[in-house]
Amino acid sequence: MGELAREGALRQNDLAHRLRLEKSTTSRLVTQLINRGWVERTAAPGDGRGVLVQLTPAGMKAAEQLAQARAARFSAILDRVPPGERASVLRALETLTEAMDDS
């Protein structure tokens, strides 16, 4: 849901690629989110077989709540790191994130 909250509507294939998941796995996850009322599928413009996935208003609210909960949890964990080491930990996490994005 985070990808959809950040990017808006995405082709389901692009979503699978961004999440590094198989297309079938992504399809099942999207179906689960549709069943919760958080996501909707629409036909991709100009592509009879393409599918766009986007958050519904309820999905946007759920995504925001999840982002807030994730931020609070991360902050609580970071608070347990000694203050003099926090900057190093954050730099290491940024490096790891960049490496994952490059793979």
Protein backbone atom coordinates (compact mmCIF):
# COMPACT_ATOMS: atom_id res chain seq x y z
CA MET A 1 0.00 0.00 0.00
CA GLY A 2 2.96 2.26 0.59
CA GLU A 3 3.93 2.22 -3.08
CA LEU A 4 0.40 3.10 -4.12
CA ALA A 5 0.17 5.85 -1.49
CA ARG A 6 3.42 7.38 -2.75
CA GLU A 7 2.91 6.92 -6.49
CA GLY A 8 -0.84 6.87 -7.03
CA ALA A 9 -2.19 4.47 -9.63
CA LEU A 10 0.33 1.90 -10.87
CA ARG A 11 0.12 -0.86 -13.43
CA GLN A 12 -0.15 -4.11 -11.54
CA ASN A 13 2.98 -5.40 -13.35
CA ASP A 14 4.92 -2.30 -12.24
CA LEU A 15 3.73 -2.82 -8.68
CA ALA A 16 4.97 -6.43 -8.77
CA HIS A 17 8.35 -5.23 -10.04
CA ARG A 18 8.65 -2.52 -7.36
CA LEU A 19 7.75 -5.00 -4.62
CA ARG A 20 10.07 -7.63 -6.11
CA LEU A 21 7.23 -10.14 -6.13
CA GLU A 22 5.94 -12.59 -8.70
CA LYS A 23 2.96 -11.37 -10.71
CA SER A 24 0.73 -14.11 -9.25
CA THR A 25 1.68 -13.16 -5.69
CA THR A 26 0.98 -9.50 -6.39
CA SER A 27 -2.38 -10.40 -7.91
CA ARG A 28 -3.37 -12.34 -4.79
CA LEU A 29 -2.29 -9.46 -2.53
CA VAL A 30 -4.21 -6.94 -4.62
CA THR A 31 -7.30 -9.15 -4.48
CA GLN A 32 -7.03 -9.28 -0.68
CA LEU A 33 -6.77 -5.48 -0.55
CA ILE A 34 -9.78 -5.18 -2.88
CA ASN A 35 -11.76 -7.45 -0.55
CA ARG A 36 -10.95 -5.07 2.32
CA GLY A 37 -12.12 -2.13 0.24
CA TRP A 38 -8.66 -0.52 0.19
CA VAL A 39 -7.73 -0.92 -3.48
CA GLU A 40 -9.47 -0.93 -6.84
CA ARG A 41 -8.42 -2.22 -10.25
CA THR A 42 -9.22 -0.34 -13.44
CA ALA A 43 -8.34 -0.90 -17.07
CA ALA A 44 -5.08 0.75 -18.11
CA PRO A 45 -5.65 3.45 -20.73
CA GLY A 46 -4.49 2.38 -24.17
CA ASP A 47 -3.80 -1.21 -23.12
CA GLY A 48 -6.66 -3.68 -23.34
CA ARG A 49 -4.86 -6.21 -21.12
CA GLY A 50 -3.19 -3.81 -18.70
CA VAL A 51 -4.56 -3.19 -15.22
CA LEU A 52 -4.09 -0.16 -13.00
CA VAL A 53 -4.22 -0.51 -9.24
CA GLN A 54 -5.00 2.42 -6.96
CA LEU A 55 -6.00 3.08 -3.39
CA THR A 56 -9.59 3.87 -2.53
CA PRO A 57 -10.31 6.65 0.00
CA ALA A 58 -10.50 3.95 2.70
CA GLY A 59 -7.18 2.57 1.43
CA MET A 60 -5.57 6.00 1.64
CA LYS A 61 -6.69 6.30 5.24
CA ALA A 62 -5.41 2.78 6.05
CA ALA A 63 -2.08 3.51 4.33
CA GLU A 64 -1.66 6.69 6.38
CA GLN A 65 -2.42 4.84 9.61
CA LEU A 66 0.09 2.11 8.69
CA ALA A 67 2.74 4.72 7.85
CA GLN A 68 2.20 6.45 11.20
CA ALA A 69 2.40 3.15 13.10
CA ARG A 70 5.57 2.18 11.20
CA ALA A 71 7.17 5.57 11.94
CA ALA A 72 6.29 5.30 15.63
CA ARG A 73 7.75 1.80 15.82
CA PHE A 74 10.93 2.82 14.02
CA SER A 75 11.29 5.84 16.31
CA ALA A 76 10.87 3.66 19.40
CA ILE A 77 13.52 1.26 18.13
CA LEU A 78 15.91 4.09 17.23
CA ASP A 79 15.44 5.53 20.72
CA ARG A 80 17.03 2.34 22.05
CA VAL A 81 20.23 3.00 20.07
CA PRO A 82 22.77 5.03 22.07
CA PRO A 83 22.56 8.69 20.98
CA GLY A 84 26.19 8.79 19.85
CA GLU A 85 25.60 5.86 17.47
CA ARG A 86 22.30 6.90 15.90
CA ALA A 87 23.78 8.87 13.01
CA SER A 88 25.97 5.90 12.07
CA VAL A 89 23.03 3.51 12.24
CA LEU A 90 20.93 5.78 10.03
CA ARG A 91 23.77 6.11 7.49
CA ALA A 92 24.14 2.31 7.43
CA LEU A 93 20.39 1.90 6.86
CA GLU A 94 20.49 4.44 4.01
CA THR A 95 23.39 2.55 2.42
CA LEU A 96 21.53 -0.74 2.75
CA THR A 97 18.36 0.76 1.26
CA GLU A 98 20.29 2.16 -1.70
CA ALA A 99 21.98 -1.19 -2.26
CA MET A 100 18.60 -2.94 -2.24
CA ASP A 101 17.18 -0.40 -4.69
CA ASP A 102 20.12 -0.99 -7.04
CA SER A 103 19.65 -4.75 -7.09
